[in-house]
Amino acid sequence: MPAGYFVRSEKALVVDDHNDPGPDAAVIPGSRRDYVHEHPRTALFVAEVSKSTLKADLKVKPALYAKAGVPEYWVIDLVRRQIVVHREPTAEAGPPIKYYYRSIATLQAGDMVTPLLAPQSPVAVSSLLPPLGSPGS
């Protein structure tokens, strides 16, 4: 974890006055004390662990996290046993302004992924997925 950041689980990330998607995990700037009276508005990294929420995690939330300027958003897809990695948040002039990720890669159980926040620490995709045949898969 980079200095000056902490992991926050299943708590709001305020994108605007109408959206706080509440990611499963987020790497947030500052410390927990910084958010006693308000929720963070951005993150260095966000992950959603997805089974029943897959459609929203892939179709709705990328625009929200791109709008919040989150550099890297992962959807850990338990159904297809893959991770969809979103990078390079972008805004396209409107109206309305369209937010999206310029880079989207789908990685399978045999692949490695290197988080932008820890380039020296590649992770096996399979290590983030439940074992085959388990209740979560």
N, C-alpha and C. Protein backbone atom coordinates (compact mmCIF):
# COMPACT_ATOMS: atom_id res chain seq x y z
N MET A 1 0.85 -1.18 0.00
CA MET A 1 0.00 0.00 0.00
C MET A 1 0.89 1.24 0.00
N PRO A 2 0.64 2.16 -0.90
CA PRO A 2 1.44 3.39 -0.87
C PRO A 2 1.21 4.16 0.43
N ALA A 3 2.23 4.86 0.87
CA ALA A 3 2.10 5.69 2.07
C ALA A 3 1.03 6.75 1.83
N GLY A 4 0.26 7.03 2.88
CA GLY A 4 -0.76 8.07 2.77
C GLY A 4 -2.10 7.56 2.25
N TYR A 5 -2.28 6.24 2.19
CA TYR A 5 -3.53 5.63 1.72
C TYR A 5 -3.94 4.52 2.68
N PHE A 6 -5.22 4.15 2.68
CA PHE A 6 -5.70 3.02 3.47
C PHE A 6 -6.80 2.30 2.71
N VAL A 7 -7.08 1.07 3.12
CA VAL A 7 -8.13 0.27 2.48
C VAL A 7 -9.43 0.48 3.23
N ARG A 8 -10.47 0.70 2.49
CA ARG A 8 -11.81 0.90 3.04
C ARG A 8 -12.73 -0.11 2.37
N SER A 9 -13.53 -0.84 3.15
CA SER A 9 -14.38 -1.90 2.61
C SER A 9 -15.86 -1.57 2.77
N GLU A 10 -16.59 -1.76 1.68
CA GLU A 10 -18.05 -1.67 1.67
C GLU A 10 -18.58 -0.40 2.31
N LYS A 11 -17.98 0.72 1.94
CA LYS A 11 -18.44 2.02 2.44
C LYS A 11 -18.55 2.97 1.25
N ALA A 12 -19.33 4.01 1.44
CA ALA A 12 -19.63 4.95 0.36
C ALA A 12 -18.38 5.62 -0.21
N LEU A 13 -18.45 5.88 -1.50
CA LEU A 13 -17.49 6.71 -2.22
C LEU A 13 -18.36 7.70 -2.98
N VAL A 14 -18.40 8.93 -2.54
CA VAL A 14 -19.32 9.91 -3.09
C VAL A 14 -18.81 10.40 -4.45
N VAL A 15 -19.58 10.13 -5.49
CA VAL A 15 -19.21 10.56 -6.84
C VAL A 15 -19.82 11.92 -7.13
N ASP A 16 -21.08 12.10 -6.76
CA ASP A 16 -21.78 13.37 -6.92
C ASP A 16 -22.96 13.37 -5.95
N ASP A 17 -23.84 14.34 -6.07
CA ASP A 17 -24.96 14.45 -5.12
C ASP A 17 -25.94 13.29 -5.19
N HIS A 18 -25.87 12.49 -6.25
CA HIS A 18 -26.85 11.42 -6.45
C HIS A 18 -26.25 10.02 -6.43
N ASN A 19 -24.94 9.89 -6.36
CA ASN A 19 -24.31 8.58 -6.49
C ASN A 19 -23.22 8.36 -5.46
N ASP A 20 -23.35 7.27 -4.72
CA ASP A 20 -22.28 6.80 -3.83
C ASP A 20 -22.28 5.28 -3.90
N PRO A 21 -21.57 4.74 -4.90
CA PRO A 21 -21.68 3.31 -5.22
C PRO A 21 -21.24 2.31 -4.14
N GLY A 22 -20.52 2.72 -3.13
CA GLY A 22 -20.15 1.79 -2.06
C GLY A 22 -19.38 0.58 -2.54
N PRO A 23 -18.16 0.78 -3.04
CA PRO A 23 -17.38 -0.35 -3.56
C PRO A 23 -17.06 -1.39 -2.49
N ASP A 24 -16.84 -2.62 -2.94
CA ASP A 24 -16.47 -3.69 -2.01
C ASP A 24 -15.14 -3.39 -1.34
N ALA A 25 -14.20 -2.82 -2.09
CA ALA A 25 -12.91 -2.42 -1.54
C ALA A 25 -12.41 -1.20 -2.29
N ALA A 26 -11.78 -0.29 -1.56
CA ALA A 26 -11.22 0.91 -2.19
C ALA A 26 -9.97 1.32 -1.43
N VAL A 27 -8.99 1.79 -2.16
CA VAL A 27 -7.78 2.36 -1.57
C VAL A 27 -7.97 3.87 -1.62
N ILE A 28 -8.05 4.46 -0.42
CA ILE A 28 -8.48 5.84 -0.25
C ILE A 28 -7.30 6.71 0.21
N PRO A 29 -7.20 7.97 -0.29
CA PRO A 29 -6.14 8.85 0.19
C PRO A 29 -6.40 9.30 1.62
N GLY A 30 -5.33 9.51 2.37
CA GLY A 30 -5.43 10.02 3.73
C GLY A 30 -5.50 8.89 4.74
N SER A 31 -6.21 9.17 5.83
CA SER A 31 -6.38 8.18 6.89
C SER A 31 -7.86 8.08 7.24
N ARG A 32 -8.22 7.08 8.02
CA ARG A 32 -9.62 6.91 8.44
C ARG A 32 -10.14 8.16 9.15
N ARG A 33 -9.29 8.80 9.91
CA ARG A 33 -9.69 10.01 10.65
C ARG A 33 -10.15 11.13 9.71
N ASP A 34 -9.63 11.14 8.49
CA ASP A 34 -10.00 12.18 7.54
C ASP A 34 -11.46 12.07 7.10
N TYR A 35 -12.10 10.92 7.35
CA TYR A 35 -13.45 10.67 6.85
C TYR A 35 -14.45 10.39 7.97
N VAL A 36 -14.20 10.95 9.13
CA VAL A 36 -15.13 10.78 10.25
C VAL A 36 -16.45 11.50 9.95
N HIS A 37 -16.39 12.67 9.32
CA HIS A 37 -17.59 13.48 9.09
C HIS A 37 -18.05 13.52 7.64
N GLU A 38 -17.30 12.92 6.74
CA GLU A 38 -17.70 12.88 5.33
C GLU A 38 -17.05 11.69 4.65
N HIS A 39 -17.67 11.26 3.55
CA HIS A 39 -17.13 10.14 2.79
C HIS A 39 -16.12 10.65 1.76
N PRO A 40 -15.18 9.78 1.36
CA PRO A 40 -14.23 10.19 0.32
C PRO A 40 -14.94 10.41 -1.02
N ARG A 41 -14.30 11.19 -1.87
CA ARG A 41 -14.85 11.49 -3.20
C ARG A 41 -14.03 10.87 -4.32
N THR A 42 -12.91 10.25 -3.97
CA THR A 42 -12.10 9.56 -4.96
C THR A 42 -11.33 8.44 -4.28
N ALA A 43 -10.67 7.63 -5.09
CA ALA A 43 -9.86 6.53 -4.59
C ALA A 43 -8.73 6.29 -5.58
N LEU A 44 -7.70 5.64 -5.12
CA LEU A 44 -6.58 5.25 -5.99
C LEU A 44 -6.92 3.96 -6.73
N PHE A 45 -7.76 3.14 -6.10
CA PHE A 45 -8.11 1.82 -6.64
C PHE A 45 -9.46 1.42 -6.06
N VAL A 46 -10.31 0.79 -6.90
CA VAL A 46 -11.60 0.28 -6.45
C VAL A 46 -11.78 -1.12 -7.02
N ALA A 47 -12.37 -2.01 -6.20
CA ALA A 47 -12.70 -3.36 -6.67
C ALA A 47 -14.12 -3.72 -6.25
N GLU A 48 -14.81 -4.39 -7.15
CA GLU A 48 -16.13 -4.96 -6.88
C GLU A 48 -16.01 -6.46 -7.06
N VAL A 49 -16.46 -7.22 -6.08
CA VAL A 49 -16.53 -8.67 -6.19
C VAL A 49 -17.95 -8.97 -6.64
N SER A 50 -18.07 -9.60 -7.80
CA SER A 50 -19.36 -9.60 -8.47
C SER A 50 -19.88 -10.98 -8.82
N LYS A 51 -21.10 -11.22 -8.42
CA LYS A 51 -21.83 -12.41 -8.84
C LYS A 51 -23.24 -11.97 -9.24
N SER A 52 -24.03 -11.54 -8.28
CA SER A 52 -25.40 -11.11 -8.58
C SER A 52 -25.46 -9.68 -9.10
N THR A 53 -24.41 -8.89 -8.90
CA THR A 53 -24.40 -7.48 -9.31
C THR A 53 -23.57 -7.24 -10.57
N LEU A 54 -23.26 -8.29 -11.30
CA LEU A 54 -22.33 -8.19 -12.43
C LEU A 54 -22.75 -7.16 -13.47
N LYS A 55 -24.01 -7.13 -13.84
CA LYS A 55 -24.47 -6.20 -14.87
C LYS A 55 -24.20 -4.75 -14.46
N ALA A 56 -24.57 -4.38 -13.25
CA ALA A 56 -24.33 -3.00 -12.77
C ALA A 56 -22.84 -2.72 -12.63
N ASP A 57 -22.08 -3.71 -12.15
CA ASP A 57 -20.65 -3.51 -11.96
C ASP A 57 -19.92 -3.28 -13.28
N LEU A 58 -20.43 -3.85 -14.37
CA LEU A 58 -19.79 -3.70 -15.68
C LEU A 58 -20.41 -2.60 -16.54
N LYS A 59 -21.67 -2.26 -16.31
CA LYS A 59 -22.36 -1.30 -17.19
C LYS A 59 -22.60 0.08 -16.55
N VAL A 60 -22.82 0.12 -15.24
CA VAL A 60 -23.15 1.38 -14.57
C VAL A 60 -21.96 1.96 -13.81
N LYS A 61 -21.34 1.14 -13.02
CA LYS A 61 -20.29 1.63 -12.11
C LYS A 61 -19.02 2.14 -12.81
N PRO A 62 -18.62 1.60 -13.96
CA PRO A 62 -17.41 2.18 -14.58
C PRO A 62 -17.53 3.69 -14.83
N ALA A 63 -18.68 4.15 -15.28
CA ALA A 63 -18.85 5.59 -15.52
C ALA A 63 -18.77 6.38 -14.21
N LEU A 64 -19.32 5.81 -13.14
CA LEU A 64 -19.28 6.50 -11.84
C LEU A 64 -17.85 6.60 -11.32
N TYR A 65 -17.11 5.50 -11.40
CA TYR A 65 -15.73 5.53 -10.90
C TYR A 65 -14.83 6.38 -11.80
N ALA A 66 -15.08 6.36 -13.10
CA ALA A 66 -14.32 7.24 -14.01
C ALA A 66 -14.60 8.70 -13.67
N LYS A 67 -15.86 9.00 -13.37
CA LYS A 67 -16.23 10.38 -13.00
C LYS A 67 -15.51 10.81 -11.72
N ALA A 68 -15.33 9.87 -10.80
CA ALA A 68 -14.63 10.17 -9.54
C ALA A 68 -13.11 10.21 -9.73
N GLY A 69 -12.63 9.92 -10.94
CA GLY A 69 -11.19 9.98 -11.21
C GLY A 69 -10.41 8.80 -10.67
N VAL A 70 -11.07 7.67 -10.45
CA VAL A 70 -10.40 6.48 -9.93
C VAL A 70 -9.52 5.90 -11.05
N PRO A 71 -8.20 5.85 -10.87
CA PRO A 71 -7.31 5.41 -11.94
C PRO A 71 -7.47 3.94 -12.34
N GLU A 72 -7.91 3.11 -11.39
CA GLU A 72 -8.00 1.68 -11.68
C GLU A 72 -9.21 1.08 -10.96
N TYR A 73 -10.05 0.38 -11.73
CA TYR A 73 -11.27 -0.25 -11.22
C TYR A 73 -11.29 -1.70 -11.70
N TRP A 74 -11.40 -2.63 -10.75
CA TRP A 74 -11.46 -4.05 -11.08
C TRP A 74 -12.83 -4.61 -10.76
N VAL A 75 -13.34 -5.45 -11.66
CA VAL A 75 -14.54 -6.24 -11.39
C VAL A 75 -14.07 -7.69 -11.31
N ILE A 76 -14.17 -8.27 -10.13
CA ILE A 76 -13.79 -9.67 -9.93
C ILE A 76 -15.06 -10.48 -10.18
N ASP A 77 -15.13 -11.06 -11.36
CA ASP A 77 -16.32 -11.76 -11.86
C ASP A 77 -16.27 -13.22 -11.42
N LEU A 78 -17.04 -13.53 -10.38
CA LEU A 78 -17.04 -14.88 -9.84
C LEU A 78 -17.73 -15.88 -10.76
N VAL A 79 -18.66 -15.42 -11.58
CA VAL A 79 -19.41 -16.30 -12.48
C VAL A 79 -18.52 -16.83 -13.61
N ARG A 80 -17.82 -15.93 -14.27
CA ARG A 80 -16.95 -16.31 -15.41
C ARG A 80 -15.52 -16.58 -14.99
N ARG A 81 -15.24 -16.40 -13.68
CA ARG A 81 -13.89 -16.63 -13.13
C ARG A 81 -12.84 -15.80 -13.88
N GLN A 82 -13.06 -14.50 -13.87
CA GLN A 82 -12.15 -13.57 -14.54
C GLN A 82 -12.18 -12.23 -13.82
N ILE A 83 -11.23 -11.40 -14.18
CA ILE A 83 -11.19 -10.04 -13.66
C ILE A 83 -11.20 -9.08 -14.85
N VAL A 84 -12.07 -8.09 -14.78
CA VAL A 84 -12.13 -7.05 -15.80
C VAL A 84 -11.46 -5.82 -15.21
N VAL A 85 -10.35 -5.42 -15.79
CA VAL A 85 -9.53 -4.32 -15.30
C VAL A 85 -9.80 -3.08 -16.14
N HIS A 86 -10.26 -2.02 -15.47
CA HIS A 86 -10.53 -0.73 -16.12
C HIS A 86 -9.44 0.25 -15.70
N ARG A 87 -8.84 0.93 -16.70
CA ARG A 87 -7.81 1.93 -16.43
C ARG A 87 -7.98 3.12 -17.35
N GLU A 88 -7.37 4.22 -17.00
CA GLU A 88 -7.38 5.46 -17.77
C GLU A 88 -8.76 6.10 -17.81
N PRO A 89 -9.25 6.59 -16.67
CA PRO A 89 -10.55 7.27 -16.67
C PRO A 89 -10.51 8.49 -17.59
N THR A 90 -11.60 8.66 -18.34
CA THR A 90 -11.65 9.67 -19.38
C THR A 90 -13.02 10.36 -19.36
N ALA A 91 -13.04 11.62 -19.75
CA ALA A 91 -14.30 12.35 -19.90
C ALA A 91 -14.40 12.83 -21.34
N GLU A 92 -15.57 12.63 -21.92
CA GLU A 92 -15.83 13.08 -23.28
C GLU A 92 -16.82 14.24 -23.21
N ALA A 93 -16.49 15.35 -23.86
CA ALA A 93 -17.34 16.54 -23.80
C ALA A 93 -18.76 16.23 -24.23
N GLY A 94 -19.69 16.91 -23.64
CA GLY A 94 -21.11 16.69 -23.92
C GLY A 94 -21.72 17.92 -24.53
N PRO A 95 -22.93 18.25 -24.26
CA PRO A 95 -23.67 17.64 -23.16
C PRO A 95 -24.35 16.34 -23.56
N PRO A 96 -24.58 15.46 -22.62
CA PRO A 96 -23.97 15.43 -21.31
C PRO A 96 -22.53 14.92 -21.40
N ILE A 97 -21.74 15.20 -20.38
CA ILE A 97 -20.37 14.68 -20.34
C ILE A 97 -20.45 13.17 -20.15
N LYS A 98 -19.68 12.44 -20.92
CA LYS A 98 -19.66 10.98 -20.83
C LYS A 98 -18.34 10.56 -20.17
N TYR A 99 -18.46 9.79 -19.09
CA TYR A 99 -17.29 9.29 -18.37
C TYR A 99 -17.12 7.81 -18.67
N TYR A 100 -15.89 7.40 -18.91
CA TYR A 100 -15.61 6.00 -19.21
C TYR A 100 -14.13 5.72 -19.00
N TYR A 101 -13.77 4.44 -19.12
CA TYR A 101 -12.37 4.04 -19.05
C TYR A 101 -11.87 3.74 -20.45
N ARG A 102 -10.74 4.32 -20.80
CA ARG A 102 -10.16 4.15 -22.12
C ARG A 102 -9.58 2.73 -22.29
N SER A 103 -9.07 2.15 -21.22
CA SER A 103 -8.46 0.82 -21.28
C SER A 103 -9.28 -0.16 -20.45
N ILE A 104 -9.72 -1.25 -21.08
CA ILE A 104 -10.45 -2.32 -20.40
C ILE A 104 -9.85 -3.64 -20.85
N ALA A 105 -9.40 -4.44 -19.89
CA ALA A 105 -8.79 -5.75 -20.19
C ALA A 105 -9.47 -6.82 -19.36
N THR A 106 -9.74 -7.95 -19.99
CA THR A 106 -10.32 -9.09 -19.29
C THR A 106 -9.24 -10.14 -19.10
N LEU A 107 -9.01 -10.50 -17.83
CA LEU A 107 -7.94 -11.45 -17.50
C LEU A 107 -8.55 -12.72 -16.92
N GLN A 108 -7.99 -13.85 -17.32
CA GLN A 108 -8.50 -15.16 -16.92
C GLN A 108 -7.70 -15.72 -15.75
N ALA A 109 -8.17 -16.84 -15.21
CA ALA A 109 -7.56 -17.46 -14.03
C ALA A 109 -6.07 -17.75 -14.20
N GLY A 110 -5.58 -18.03 -15.39
CA GLY A 110 -4.16 -18.32 -15.59
C GLY A 110 -3.28 -17.09 -15.77
N ASP A 111 -3.89 -15.90 -15.79
CA ASP A 111 -3.15 -14.66 -16.03
C ASP A 111 -2.62 -14.04 -14.74
N MET A 112 -1.73 -13.08 -14.92
CA MET A 112 -1.23 -12.24 -13.82
C MET A 112 -1.72 -10.83 -14.07
N VAL A 113 -1.94 -10.08 -13.00
CA VAL A 113 -2.33 -8.68 -13.10
C VAL A 113 -1.45 -7.88 -12.15
N THR A 114 -1.01 -6.72 -12.60
CA THR A 114 -0.17 -5.86 -11.77
C THR A 114 -0.94 -4.58 -11.47
N PRO A 115 -1.31 -4.38 -10.21
CA PRO A 115 -2.03 -3.15 -9.86
C PRO A 115 -1.15 -1.93 -10.09
N LEU A 116 -1.76 -0.87 -10.59
CA LEU A 116 -1.02 0.37 -10.80
C LEU A 116 -0.42 0.89 -9.49
N LEU A 117 -1.13 0.68 -8.37
CA LEU A 117 -0.66 1.21 -7.09
C LEU A 117 0.49 0.39 -6.51
N ALA A 118 0.76 -0.79 -7.07
CA ALA A 118 1.87 -1.63 -6.59
C ALA A 118 2.53 -2.32 -7.78
N PRO A 119 3.22 -1.56 -8.63
CA PRO A 119 3.79 -2.14 -9.86
C PRO A 119 4.83 -3.22 -9.61
N GLN A 120 5.36 -3.28 -8.40
CA GLN A 120 6.36 -4.30 -8.07
C GLN A 120 5.71 -5.58 -7.54
N SER A 121 4.36 -5.64 -7.52
CA SER A 121 3.66 -6.77 -6.90
C SER A 121 2.59 -7.37 -7.81
N PRO A 122 3.00 -8.12 -8.84
CA PRO A 122 1.99 -8.78 -9.68
C PRO A 122 1.21 -9.81 -8.86
N VAL A 123 -0.04 -10.01 -9.24
CA VAL A 123 -0.95 -10.90 -8.53
C VAL A 123 -1.50 -11.93 -9.52
N ALA A 124 -1.56 -13.19 -9.11
CA ALA A 124 -2.19 -14.22 -9.94
C ALA A 124 -3.70 -14.03 -9.86
N VAL A 125 -4.35 -13.92 -11.01
CA VAL A 125 -5.80 -13.75 -11.04
C VAL A 125 -6.47 -14.88 -10.27
N SER A 126 -5.98 -16.09 -10.40
CA SER A 126 -6.57 -17.24 -9.71
C SER A 126 -6.56 -17.08 -8.19
N SER A 127 -5.61 -16.30 -7.66
CA SER A 127 -5.55 -16.11 -6.20
C SER A 127 -6.67 -15.20 -5.69
N LEU A 128 -7.34 -14.49 -6.60
CA LEU A 128 -8.44 -13.61 -6.23
C LEU A 128 -9.80 -14.25 -6.45
N LEU A 129 -9.80 -15.47 -6.94
CA LEU A 129 -11.04 -16.19 -7.24
C LEU A 129 -11.22 -17.36 -6.29
N PRO A 130 -12.47 -17.73 -5.97
CA PRO A 130 -12.67 -18.91 -5.13
C PRO A 130 -12.27 -20.17 -5.89
N PRO A 131 -11.91 -21.22 -5.17
CA PRO A 131 -11.55 -22.48 -5.85
C PRO A 131 -12.74 -23.00 -6.66
N LEU A 132 -12.44 -23.68 -7.75
CA LEU A 132 -13.51 -24.27 -8.57
C LEU A 132 -14.36 -25.19 -7.71
N GLY A 133 -15.67 -25.12 -7.89
CA GLY A 133 -16.57 -25.98 -7.16
C GLY A 133 -16.95 -25.48 -5.79
N SER A 134 -16.35 -24.35 -5.33
CA SER A 134 -16.72 -23.82 -4.03
C SER A 134 -18.02 -23.02 -4.15
N PRO A 135 -18.70 -22.73 -3.05
CA PRO A 135 -19.97 -22.00 -3.10
C PRO A 135 -19.87 -20.63 -3.77
N GLY A 136 -18.71 -19.96 -3.69
CA GLY A 136 -18.56 -18.64 -4.28
C GLY A 136 -18.32 -18.65 -5.77
N SER A 137 -18.01 -19.83 -6.34
CA SER A 137 -17.68 -19.86 -7.78
C SER A 137 -18.87 -20.25 -8.62
